Amino acid sequence: MKKTKTPGIVTIATLTLITLIFWIFFNVYRVFSVKTPVTVPEEILSPIDPSLDANALTNLTKRLYFEEGIIPDNNIPTQTATPAPRTPTPTESSSPTPSPTGVPSPTP
């Protein structure tokens, strides 16, 4: 038996379809994996003044410093919720209640 050869147009169409599928897949992957560039404000990017600020240095020496043991712990008491006392729930009793018997007497 003789095999029939596939036409050239079918081979080219198949390779083009495979290429197109891979192209779409890699573009979608690139969109989700590439990080967006970070925009930094201009005031952060501006250069810092290299001169030494004498006023800032004198203000640092005038500050009041405390040692670790001088400052007491400021513990603020917090209120915790206390559970409410449980009240007994009424239950139905199966005992019969007494009913009045006899004739009521007239009250003078």
PDB file of N, CA and C in Angstrom:
ATOM      1  N   MET A   1       0.805  -1.168   0.000  1.00  0.00           N
ATOM      2  CA  MET A   1       0.000   0.000   0.000  1.00  0.00           C
ATOM      3  C   MET A   1       0.856   1.242   0.000  1.00  0.00           C
ATOM      4  N   LYS A   2       0.401   2.170  -0.747  1.00  0.00           N
ATOM      5  CA  LYS A   2       1.139   3.414  -0.885  1.00  0.00           C
ATOM      6  C   LYS A   2       0.498   4.478   0.001  1.00  0.00           C
ATOM      7  N   LYS A   3       1.335   5.146   0.790  1.00  0.00           N
ATOM      8  CA  LYS A   3       0.839   6.203   1.665  1.00  0.00           C
ATOM      9  C   LYS A   3       0.669   7.473   0.855  1.00  0.00           C
ATOM     10  N   THR A   4      -0.387   8.199   1.197  1.00  0.00           N
ATOM     11  CA  THR A   4      -0.577   9.481   0.532  1.00  0.00           C
ATOM     12  C   THR A   4       0.106  10.553   1.355  1.00  0.00           C
ATOM     13  N   LYS A   5       0.761  11.434   0.682  1.00  0.00           N
ATOM     14  CA  LYS A   5       1.484  12.514   1.336  1.00  0.00           C
ATOM     15  C   LYS A   5       0.512  13.659   1.606  1.00  0.00           C
ATOM     16  N   THR A   6       0.641  14.260   2.834  1.00  0.00           N
ATOM     17  CA  THR A   6      -0.231  15.391   3.155  1.00  0.00           C
ATOM     18  C   THR A   6       0.174  16.582   2.309  1.00  0.00           C
ATOM     19  N   PRO A   7      -0.785  17.349   1.903  1.00  0.00           N
ATOM     20  CA  PRO A   7      -0.472  18.518   1.077  1.00  0.00           C
ATOM     21  C   PRO A   7       0.340  19.543   1.865  1.00  0.00           C
ATOM     22  N   GLY A   8       1.107  20.324   1.174  1.00  0.00           N
ATOM     23  CA  GLY A   8       1.968  21.334   1.787  1.00  0.00           C
ATOM     24  C   GLY A   8       1.181  22.409   2.515  1.00  0.00           C
ATOM     25  N   ILE A   9       0.012  22.744   2.005  1.00  0.00           N
ATOM     26  CA  ILE A   9      -0.790  23.791   2.640  1.00  0.00           C
ATOM     27  C   ILE A   9      -1.280  23.345   4.013  1.00  0.00           C
ATOM     28  N   VAL A  10      -1.568  22.064   4.198  1.00  0.00           N
ATOM     29  CA  VAL A  10      -2.020  21.556   5.492  1.00  0.00           C
ATOM     30  C   VAL A  10      -0.872  21.603   6.492  1.00  0.00           C
ATOM     31  N   THR A  11       0.329  21.257   6.047  1.00  0.00           N
ATOM     32  CA  THR A  11       1.499  21.304   6.927  1.00  0.00           C
ATOM     33  C   THR A  11       1.781  22.737   7.360  1.00  0.00           C
ATOM     34  N   ILE A  12       1.730  23.660   6.424  1.00  0.00           N
ATOM     35  CA  ILE A  12       1.987  25.072   6.742  1.00  0.00           C
ATOM     36  C   ILE A  12       0.891  25.611   7.663  1.00  0.00           C
ATOM     37  N   ALA A  13      -0.352  25.238   7.433  1.00  0.00           N
ATOM     38  CA  ALA A  13      -1.455  25.702   8.282  1.00  0.00           C
ATOM     39  C   ALA A  13      -1.309  25.149   9.699  1.00  0.00           C
ATOM     40  N   THR A  14      -0.879  23.900   9.825  1.00  0.00           N
ATOM     41  CA  THR A  14      -0.693  23.301  11.149  1.00  0.00           C
ATOM     42  C   THR A  14       0.434  23.996  11.902  1.00  0.00           C
ATOM     43  N   LEU A  15       1.554  24.222  11.238  1.00  0.00           N
ATOM     44  CA  LEU A  15       2.680  24.910  11.887  1.00  0.00           C
ATOM     45  C   LEU A  15       2.315  26.348  12.251  1.00  0.00           C
ATOM     46  N   THR A  16       1.548  27.009  11.396  1.00  0.00           N
ATOM     47  CA  THR A  16       1.115  28.376  11.688  1.00  0.00           C
ATOM     48  C   THR A  16       0.180  28.394  12.897  1.00  0.00           C
ATOM     49  N   LEU A  17      -0.710  27.423  12.992  1.00  0.00           N
ATOM     50  CA  LEU A  17      -1.623  27.348  14.124  1.00  0.00           C
ATOM     51  C   LEU A  17      -0.862  27.088  15.422  1.00  0.00           C
ATOM     52  N   ILE A  18       0.114  26.192  15.384  1.00  0.00           N
ATOM     53  CA  ILE A  18       0.927  25.920  16.575  1.00  0.00           C
ATOM     54  C   ILE A  18       1.699  27.166  16.985  1.00  0.00           C
ATOM     55  N   THR A  19       2.279  27.875  16.006  1.00  0.00           N
ATOM     56  CA  THR A  19       3.015  29.111  16.293  1.00  0.00           C
ATOM     57  C   THR A  19       2.089  30.160  16.897  1.00  0.00           C
ATOM     58  N   LEU A  20       0.898  30.283  16.359  1.00  0.00           N
ATOM     59  CA  LEU A  20      -0.063  31.263  16.857  1.00  0.00           C
ATOM     60  C   LEU A  20      -0.477  30.944  18.294  1.00  0.00           C
ATOM     61  N   ILE A  21      -0.700  29.689  18.598  1.00  0.00           N
ATOM     62  CA  ILE A  21      -1.088  29.294  19.958  1.00  0.00           C
ATOM     63  C   ILE A  21       0.034  29.603  20.942  1.00  0.00           C
ATOM     64  N   PHE A  22       1.280  29.264  20.573  1.00  0.00           N
ATOM     65  CA  PHE A  22       2.408  29.575  21.454  1.00  0.00           C
ATOM     66  C   PHE A  22       2.589  31.081  21.611  1.00  0.00           C
ATOM     67  N   TRP A  23       2.407  31.850  20.559  1.00  0.00           N
ATOM     68  CA  TRP A  23       2.548  33.299  20.609  1.00  0.00           C
ATOM     69  C   TRP A  23       1.536  33.890  21.598  1.00  0.00           C
ATOM     70  N   ILE A  24       0.296  33.468  21.502  1.00  0.00           N
ATOM     71  CA  ILE A  24      -0.738  33.973  22.408  1.00  0.00           C
ATOM     72  C   ILE A  24      -0.430  33.563  23.843  1.00  0.00           C
ATOM     73  N   PHE A  25      -0.024  32.305  24.039  1.00  0.00           N
ATOM     74  CA  PHE A  25       0.283  31.826  25.384  1.00  0.00           C
ATOM     75  C   PHE A  25       1.410  32.631  26.013  1.00  0.00           C
ATOM     76  N   PHE A  26       2.496  32.865  25.282  1.00  0.00           N
ATOM     77  CA  PHE A  26       3.632  33.587  25.853  1.00  0.00           C
ATOM     78  C   PHE A  26       3.319  35.066  26.074  1.00  0.00           C
ATOM     79  N   ASN A  27       2.478  35.661  25.250  1.00  0.00           N
ATOM     80  CA  ASN A  27       2.084  37.054  25.488  1.00  0.00           C
ATOM     81  C   ASN A  27       1.210  37.177  26.737  1.00  0.00           C
ATOM     82  N   VAL A  28       0.312  36.243  26.930  1.00  0.00           N
ATOM     83  CA  VAL A  28      -0.516  36.261  28.141  1.00  0.00           C
ATOM     84  C   VAL A  28       0.354  36.033  29.368  1.00  0.00           C
ATOM     85  N   TYR A  29       1.304  35.116  29.276  1.00  0.00           N
ATOM     86  CA  TYR A  29       2.222  34.861  30.391  1.00  0.00           C
ATOM     87  C   TYR A  29       3.050  36.106  30.703  1.00  0.00           C
ATOM     88  N   ARG A  30       3.518  36.805  29.676  1.00  0.00           N
ATOM     89  CA  ARG A  30       4.325  38.010  29.874  1.00  0.00           C
ATOM     90  C   ARG A  30       3.509  39.114  30.535  1.00  0.00           C
ATOM     91  N   VAL A  31       2.249  39.243  30.163  1.00  0.00           N
ATOM     92  CA  VAL A  31       1.398  40.277  30.757  1.00  0.00           C
ATOM     93  C   VAL A  31       1.230  40.037  32.251  1.00  0.00           C
ATOM     94  N   PHE A  32       1.067  38.788  32.650  1.00  0.00           N
ATOM     95  CA  PHE A  32       0.851  38.495  34.062  1.00  0.00           C
ATOM     96  C   PHE A  32       2.133  38.396  34.869  1.00  0.00           C
ATOM     97  N   SER A  33       3.275  38.211  34.233  1.00  0.00           N
ATOM     98  CA  SER A  33       4.509  38.024  34.999  1.00  0.00           C
ATOM     99  C   SER A  33       5.393  39.265  35.061  1.00  0.00           C
ATOM    100  N   VAL A  34       5.244  40.203  34.146  1.00  0.00           N
ATOM    101  CA  VAL A  34       6.084  41.402  34.147  1.00  0.00           C
ATOM    102  C   VAL A  34       5.567  42.365  35.207  1.00  0.00           C
ATOM    103  N   LYS A  35       6.480  42.853  36.029  1.00  0.00           N
ATOM    104  CA  LYS A  35       6.108  43.807  37.072  1.00  0.00           C
ATOM    105  C   LYS A  35       6.055  45.208  36.475  1.00  0.00           C
ATOM    106  N   THR A  36       5.084  45.981  36.939  1.00  0.00           N
ATOM    107  CA  THR A  36       4.955  47.345  36.446  1.00  0.00           C
ATOM    108  C   THR A  36       6.035  48.209  37.080  1.00  0.00           C
ATOM    109  N   PRO A  37       6.565  49.167  36.344  1.00  0.00           N
ATOM    110  CA  PRO A  37       7.600  50.029  36.921  1.00  0.00           C
ATOM    111  C   PRO A  37       7.019  50.914  38.021  1.00  0.00           C
ATOM    112  N   VAL A  38       7.806  51.139  39.047  1.00  0.00           N
ATOM    113  CA  VAL A  38       7.379  51.932  40.191  1.00  0.00           C
ATOM    114  C   VAL A  38       7.609  53.406  39.872  1.00  0.00           C
ATOM    115  N   THR A  39       6.597  54.227  40.108  1.00  0.00           N
ATOM    116  CA  THR A  39       6.753  55.661  39.903  1.00  0.00           C
ATOM    117  C   THR A  39       7.129  56.298  41.235  1.00  0.00           C
ATOM    118  N   VAL A  40       8.243  57.005  41.222  1.00  0.00           N
ATOM    119  CA  VAL A  40       8.755  57.647  42.427  1.00  0.00           C
ATOM    120  C   VAL A  40       8.523  59.147  42.285  1.00  0.00           C
ATOM    121  N   PRO A  41       7.977  59.809  43.314  1.00  0.00           N
ATOM    122  CA  PRO A  41       7.758  61.251  43.230  1.00  0.00           C
ATOM    123  C   PRO A  41       9.073  62.007  43.024  1.00  0.00           C
ATOM    124  N   GLU A  42       8.956  63.143  42.398  1.00  0.00           N
ATOM    125  CA  GLU A  42      10.138  63.938  42.050  1.00  0.00           C
ATOM    126  C   GLU A  42      10.863  64.458  43.287  1.00  0.00           C
ATOM    127  N   GLU A  43      10.132  64.746  44.362  1.00  0.00           N
ATOM    128  CA  GLU A  43      10.778  65.280  45.567  1.00  0.00           C
ATOM    129  C   GLU A  43      11.670  64.236  46.233  1.00  0.00           C
ATOM    130  N   ILE A  44      11.372  62.965  46.044  1.00  0.00           N
ATOM    131  CA  ILE A  44      12.240  61.921  46.593  1.00  0.00           C
ATOM    132  C   ILE A  44      13.488  61.765  45.736  1.00  0.00           C
ATOM    133  N   LEU A  45      13.338  61.949  44.439  1.00  0.00           N
ATOM    134  CA  LEU A  45      14.474  61.792  43.536  1.00  0.00           C
ATOM    135  C   LEU A  45      15.408  62.995  43.539  1.00  0.00           C
ATOM    136  N   SER A  46      14.970  64.112  44.087  1.00  0.00           N
ATOM    137  CA  SER A  46      15.820  65.304  44.091  1.00  0.00           C
ATOM    138  C   SER A  46      17.029  65.068  44.992  1.00  0.00           C
ATOM    139  N   PRO A  47      18.177  65.634  44.632  1.00  0.00           N
ATOM    140  CA  PRO A  47      19.390  65.392  45.424  1.00  0.00           C
ATOM    141  C   PRO A  47      19.305  66.051  46.803  1.00  0.00           C
ATOM    142  N   ILE A  48      20.000  65.455  47.759  1.00  0.00           N
ATOM    143  CA  ILE A  48      20.035  65.957  49.128  1.00  0.00           C
ATOM    144  C   ILE A  48      21.102  67.041  49.225  1.00  0.00           C
ATOM    145  N   ASP A  49      20.825  68.062  50.045  1.00  0.00           N
ATOM    146  CA  ASP A  49      21.782  69.144  50.251  1.00  0.00           C
ATOM    147  C   ASP A  49      22.974  68.600  51.042  1.00  0.00           C
ATOM    148  N   PRO A  50      24.178  68.654  50.475  1.00  0.00           N
ATOM    149  CA  PRO A  50      25.327  68.049  51.153  1.00  0.00           C
ATOM    150  C   PRO A  50      25.910  68.898  52.279  1.00  0.00           C
ATOM    151  N   SER A  51      25.475  70.155  52.435  1.00  0.00           N
ATOM    152  CA  SER A  51      26.053  70.995  53.488  1.00  0.00           C
ATOM    153  C   SER A  51      25.511  70.561  54.851  1.00  0.00           C
ATOM    154  N   LEU A  52      26.335  70.714  55.871  1.00  0.00           N
ATOM    155  CA  LEU A  52      25.981  70.306  57.222  1.00  0.00           C
ATOM    156  C   LEU A  52      25.134  71.400  57.868  1.00  0.00           C
ATOM    157  N   ASP A  53      23.987  71.025  58.402  1.00  0.00           N
ATOM    158  CA  ASP A  53      23.081  71.982  59.018  1.00  0.00           C
ATOM    159  C   ASP A  53      23.468  72.143  60.487  1.00  0.00           C
ATOM    160  N   ALA A  54      24.020  73.309  60.825  1.00  0.00           N
ATOM    161  CA  ALA A  54      24.484  73.553  62.192  1.00  0.00           C
ATOM    162  C   ALA A  54      23.309  73.682  63.156  1.00  0.00           C
ATOM    163  N   ASN A  55      22.210  74.243  62.711  1.00  0.00           N
ATOM    164  CA  ASN A  55      21.039  74.382  63.590  1.00  0.00           C
ATOM    165  C   ASN A  55      20.499  73.020  64.014  1.00  0.00           C
ATOM    166  N   ALA A  56      20.471  72.083  63.114  1.00  0.00           N
ATOM    167  CA  ALA A  56      19.974  70.751  63.453  1.00  0.00           C
ATOM    168  C   ALA A  56      20.894  70.080  64.462  1.00  0.00           C
ATOM    169  N   LEU A  57      22.195  70.297  64.346  1.00  0.00           N
ATOM    170  CA  LEU A  57      23.136  69.698  65.298  1.00  0.00           C
ATOM    171  C   LEU A  57      22.988  70.309  66.687  1.00  0.00           C
ATOM    172  N   THR A  58      22.780  71.617  66.772  1.00  0.00           N
ATOM    173  CA  THR A  58      22.600  72.242  68.086  1.00  0.00           C
ATOM    174  C   THR A  58      21.276  71.820  68.711  1.00  0.00           C
ATOM    175  N   ASN A  59      20.255  71.634  67.896  1.00  0.00           N
ATOM    176  CA  ASN A  59      18.974  71.159  68.427  1.00  0.00           C
ATOM    177  C   ASN A  59      19.098  69.742  68.978  1.00  0.00           C
ATOM    178  N   LEU A  60      19.950  68.936  68.381  1.00  0.00           N
ATOM    179  CA  LEU A  60      20.149  67.574  68.884  1.00  0.00           C
ATOM    180  C   LEU A  60      20.812  67.575  70.253  1.00  0.00           C
ATOM    181  N   THR A  61      21.756  68.476  70.453  1.00  0.00           N
ATOM    182  CA  THR A  61      22.446  68.512  71.747  1.00  0.00           C
ATOM    183  C   THR A  61      21.549  69.092  72.841  1.00  0.00           C
ATOM    184  N   LYS A  62      20.557  69.901  72.489  1.00  0.00           N
ATOM    185  CA  LYS A  62      19.658  70.504  73.471  1.00  0.00           C
ATOM    186  C   LYS A  62      18.529  69.568  73.886  1.00  0.00           C
ATOM    187  N   ARG A  63      18.367  68.472  73.220  1.00  0.00           N
ATOM    188  CA  ARG A  63      17.264  67.564  73.537  1.00  0.00           C
ATOM    189  C   ARG A  63      17.464  66.902  74.885  1.00  0.00           C
ATOM    190  N   LEU A  64      16.377  66.521  75.482  1.00  0.00           N
ATOM    191  CA  LEU A  64      16.383  65.866  76.778  1.00  0.00           C
ATOM    192  C   LEU A  64      16.302  64.357  76.559  1.00  0.00           C
ATOM    193  N   TYR A  65      17.271  63.649  77.108  1.00  0.00           N
ATOM    194  CA  TYR A  65      17.320  62.200  76.936  1.00  0.00           C
ATOM    195  C   TYR A  65      17.053  61.512  78.265  1.00  0.00           C
ATOM    196  N   PHE A  66      16.321  60.431  78.234  1.00  0.00           N
ATOM    197  CA  PHE A  66      16.001  59.651  79.418  1.00  0.00           C
ATOM    198  C   PHE A  66      16.674  58.294  79.314  1.00  0.00           C
ATOM    199  N   GLU A  67      17.097  57.813  80.467  1.00  0.00           N
ATOM    200  CA  GLU A  67      17.650  56.461  80.518  1.00  0.00           C
ATOM    201  C   GLU A  67      16.497  55.457  80.513  1.00  0.00           C
ATOM    202  N   GLU A  68      16.814  54.220  80.284  1.00  0.00           N
ATOM    203  CA  GLU A  68      15.793  53.179  80.187  1.00  0.00           C
ATOM    204  C   GLU A  68      15.025  52.998  81.494  1.00  0.00           C
ATOM    205  N   GLY A  69      15.689  53.067  82.636  1.00  0.00           N
ATOM    206  CA  GLY A  69      15.035  52.810  83.913  1.00  0.00           C
ATOM    207  C   GLY A  69      14.276  53.991  84.470  1.00  0.00           C
ATOM    208  N   ILE A  70      14.465  55.192  83.953  1.00  0.00           N
ATOM    209  CA  ILE A  70      13.816  56.388  84.494  1.00  0.00           C
ATOM    210  C   ILE A  70      12.327  56.416  84.157  1.00  0.00           C
ATOM    211  N   ILE A  71      11.975  55.985  82.971  1.00  0.00           N
ATOM    212  CA  ILE A  71      10.586  56.043  82.528  1.00  0.00           C
ATOM    213  C   ILE A  71       9.854  54.815  83.058  1.00  0.00           C
ATOM    214  N   PRO A  72       8.789  55.012  83.864  1.00  0.00           N
ATOM    215  CA  PRO A  72       8.055  53.847  84.384  1.00  0.00           C
ATOM    216  C   PRO A  72       7.183  53.243  83.282  1.00  0.00           C
ATOM    217  N   ASP A  73       6.827  52.000  83.510  1.00  0.00           N
ATOM    218  CA  ASP A  73       5.924  51.343  82.571  1.00  0.00           C
ATOM    219  C   ASP A  73       4.527  51.922  82.742  1.00  0.00           C
ATOM    220  N   ASN A  74       3.935  52.310  81.662  1.00  0.00           N
ATOM    221  CA  ASN A  74       2.580  52.856  81.686  1.00  0.00           C
ATOM    222  C   ASN A  74       1.615  51.760  81.274  1.00  0.00           C
ATOM    223  N   ASN A  75       1.265  50.941  82.237  1.00  0.00           N
ATOM    224  CA  ASN A  75       0.309  49.877  81.964  1.00  0.00           C
ATOM    225  C   ASN A  75      -1.094  50.418  82.154  1.00  0.00           C
ATOM    226  N   ILE A  76      -1.864  50.396  81.113  1.00  0.00           N
ATOM    227  CA  ILE A  76      -3.241  50.869  81.171  1.00  0.00           C
ATOM    228  C   ILE A  76      -4.124  49.655  81.400  1.00  0.00           C
ATOM    229  N   PRO A  77      -4.883  49.658  82.509  1.00  0.00           N
ATOM    230  CA  PRO A  77      -5.730  48.483  82.755  1.00  0.00           C
ATOM    231  C   PRO A  77      -6.859  48.433  81.736  1.00  0.00           C
ATOM    232  N   THR A  78      -7.073  47.276  81.236  1.00  0.00           N
ATOM    233  CA  THR A  78      -8.163  47.100  80.281  1.00  0.00           C
ATOM    234  C   THR A  78      -9.291  46.355  80.961  1.00  0.00           C
ATOM    235  N   GLN A  79     -10.484  46.685  80.570  1.00  0.00           N
ATOM    236  CA  GLN A  79     -11.646  46.035  81.155  1.00  0.00           C
ATOM    237  C   GLN A  79     -11.936  44.770  80.368  1.00  0.00           C
ATOM    238  N   THR A  80     -12.100  43.701  81.109  1.00  0.00           N
ATOM    239  CA  THR A  80     -12.442  42.448  80.457  1.00  0.00           C
ATOM    240  C   THR A  80     -13.902  42.155  80.717  1.00  0.00           C
ATOM    241  N   ALA A  81     -14.521  41.555  79.788  1.00  0.00           N
ATOM    242  CA  ALA A  81     -15.938  41.236  79.920  1.00  0.00           C
ATOM    243  C   ALA A  81     -16.096  40.061  80.864  1.00  0.00           C
ATOM    244  N   THR A  82     -16.955  40.251  81.855  1.00  0.00           N
ATOM    245  CA  THR A  82     -17.227  39.161  82.789  1.00  0.00           C
ATOM    246  C   THR A  82     -18.496  38.463  82.337  1.00  0.00           C
ATOM    247  N   PRO A  83     -18.515  37.164  82.417  1.00  0.00           N
ATOM    248  CA  PRO A  83     -19.724  36.467  81.962  1.00  0.00           C
ATOM    249  C   PRO A  83     -20.884  36.729  82.913  1.00  0.00           C
ATOM    250  N   ALA A  84     -22.045  36.896  82.351  1.00  0.00           N
ATOM    251  CA  ALA A  84     -23.252  37.144  83.150  1.00  0.00           C
ATOM    252  C   ALA A  84     -23.633  35.862  83.878  1.00  0.00           C
ATOM    253  N   PRO A  85     -24.174  35.992  85.106  1.00  0.00           N
ATOM    254  CA  PRO A  85     -24.567  34.776  85.828  1.00  0.00           C
ATOM    255  C   PRO A  85     -25.695  34.074  85.089  1.00  0.00           C
ATOM    256  N   ARG A  86     -25.600  32.796  85.068  1.00  0.00           N
ATOM    257  CA  ARG A  86     -26.599  32.012  84.354  1.00  0.00           C
ATOM    258  C   ARG A  86     -27.869  31.922  85.189  1.00  0.00           C
ATOM    259  N   THR A  87     -28.985  32.236  84.572  1.00  0.00           N
ATOM    260  CA  THR A  87     -30.266  32.112  85.254  1.00  0.00           C
ATOM    261  C   THR A  87     -30.870  30.775  84.860  1.00  0.00           C
ATOM    262  N   PRO A  88     -31.479  30.098  85.815  1.00  0.00           N
ATOM    263  CA  PRO A  88     -32.054  28.791  85.462  1.00  0.00           C
ATOM    264  C   PRO A  88     -33.235  28.978  84.524  1.00  0.00           C
ATOM    265  N   THR A  89     -33.315  28.123  83.569  1.00  0.00           N
ATOM    266  CA  THR A  89     -34.423  28.198  82.627  1.00  0.00           C
ATOM    267  C   THR A  89     -35.593  27.400  83.185  1.00  0.00           C
ATOM    268  N   PRO A  90     -36.803  27.949  83.105  1.00  0.00           N
ATOM    269  CA  PRO A  90     -37.964  27.223  83.644  1.00  0.00           C
ATOM    270  C   PRO A  90     -38.255  25.994  82.791  1.00  0.00           C
ATOM    271  N   THR A  91     -38.617  24.942  83.483  1.00  0.00           N
ATOM    272  CA  THR A  91     -38.982  23.714  82.781  1.00  0.00           C
ATOM    273  C   THR A  91     -40.392  23.328  83.181  1.00  0.00           C
ATOM    274  N   GLU A  92     -41.058  22.651  82.324  1.00  0.00           N
ATOM    275  CA  GLU A  92     -42.413  22.205  82.618  1.00  0.00           C
ATOM    276  C   GLU A  92     -42.340  20.982  83.514  1.00  0.00           C
ATOM    277  N   SER A  93     -43.185  20.995  84.532  1.00  0.00           N
ATOM    278  CA  SER A  93     -43.215  19.837  85.427  1.00  0.00           C
ATOM    279  C   SER A  93     -44.426  18.986  85.076  1.00  0.00           C
ATOM    280  N   SER A  94     -44.282  17.735  85.268  1.00  0.00           N
ATOM    281  CA  SER A  94     -45.373  16.822  84.925  1.00  0.00           C
ATOM    282  C   SER A  94     -46.283  16.534  86.116  1.00  0.00           C
ATOM    283  N   SER A  95     -46.026  17.134  87.279  1.00  0.00           N
ATOM    284  CA  SER A  95     -46.882  16.884  88.448  1.00  0.00           C
ATOM    285  C   SER A  95     -48.155  17.709  88.321  1.00  0.00           C
ATOM    286  N   PRO A  96     -49.284  17.135  88.715  1.00  0.00           N
ATOM    287  CA  PRO A  96     -50.544  17.877  88.584  1.00  0.00           C
ATOM    288  C   PRO A  96     -50.631  18.986  89.626  1.00  0.00           C
ATOM    289  N   THR A  97     -51.267  20.058  89.258  1.00  0.00           N
ATOM    290  CA  THR A  97     -51.461  21.164  90.188  1.00  0.00           C
ATOM    291  C   THR A  97     -52.757  20.919  90.961  1.00  0.00           C
ATOM    292  N   PRO A  98     -52.789  21.217  92.254  1.00  0.00           N
ATOM    293  CA  PRO A  98     -54.012  20.971  93.028  1.00  0.00           C
ATOM    294  C   PRO A  98     -55.118  21.924  92.600  1.00  0.00           C
ATOM    295  N   SER A  99     -56.299  21.400  92.482  1.00  0.00           N
ATOM    296  CA  SER A  99     -57.438  22.230  92.122  1.00  0.00           C
ATOM    297  C   SER A  99     -58.331  22.392  93.350  1.00  0.00           C
ATOM    298  N   PRO A 100     -59.007  23.499  93.483  1.00  0.00           N
ATOM    299  CA  PRO A 100     -59.845  23.706  94.660  1.00  0.00           C
ATOM    300  C   PRO A 100     -61.027  22.735  94.661  1.00  0.00           C
ATOM    301  N   THR A 101     -61.285  22.203  95.802  1.00  0.00           N
ATOM    302  CA  THR A 101     -62.409  21.268  95.944  1.00  0.00           C
ATOM    303  C   THR A 101     -63.410  21.836  96.945  1.00  0.00           C
ATOM    304  N   GLY A 102     -64.637  21.452  96.834  1.00  0.00           N
ATOM    305  CA  GLY A 102     -65.655  21.891  97.768  1.00  0.00           C
ATOM    306  C   GLY A 102     -66.269  23.208  97.353  1.00  0.00           C
ATOM    307  N   VAL A 103     -67.094  23.665  98.204  1.00  0.00           N
ATOM    308  CA  VAL A 103     -67.818  24.899  97.935  1.00  0.00           C
ATOM    309  C   VAL A 103     -67.133  26.019  98.692  1.00  0.00           C
ATOM    310  N   PRO A 104     -66.954  27.112  98.064  1.00  0.00           N
ATOM    311  CA  PRO A 104     -66.326  28.204  98.787  1.00  0.00           C
ATOM    312  C   PRO A 104     -67.273  28.749  99.844  1.00  0.00           C
ATOM    313  N   SER A 105     -66.721  29.070 100.987  1.00  0.00           N
ATOM    314  CA  SER A 105     -67.532  29.609 102.071  1.00  0.00           C
ATOM    315  C   SER A 105     -67.678  31.105 101.891  1.00  0.00           C
ATOM    316  N   PRO A 106     -68.863  31.615 102.256  1.00  0.00           N
ATOM    317  CA  PRO A 106     -69.035  33.063 102.131  1.00  0.00           C
ATOM    318  C   PRO A 106     -68.231  33.783 103.199  1.00  0.00           C
ATOM    319  N   THR A 107     -67.685  34.858 102.846  1.00  0.00           N
ATOM    320  CA  THR A 107     -66.873  35.638 103.775  1.00  0.00           C
ATOM    321  C   THR A 107     -67.751  36.661 104.469  1.00  0.00           C
ATOM    322  N   PRO A 108     -67.710  36.791 105.835  1.00  0.00           N
ATOM    323  CA  PRO A 108     -68.571  37.749 106.526  1.00  0.00           C
ATOM    324  C   PRO A 108     -68.105  39.162 106.408  1.00  0.00           C
TER     325      PRO A 108
END
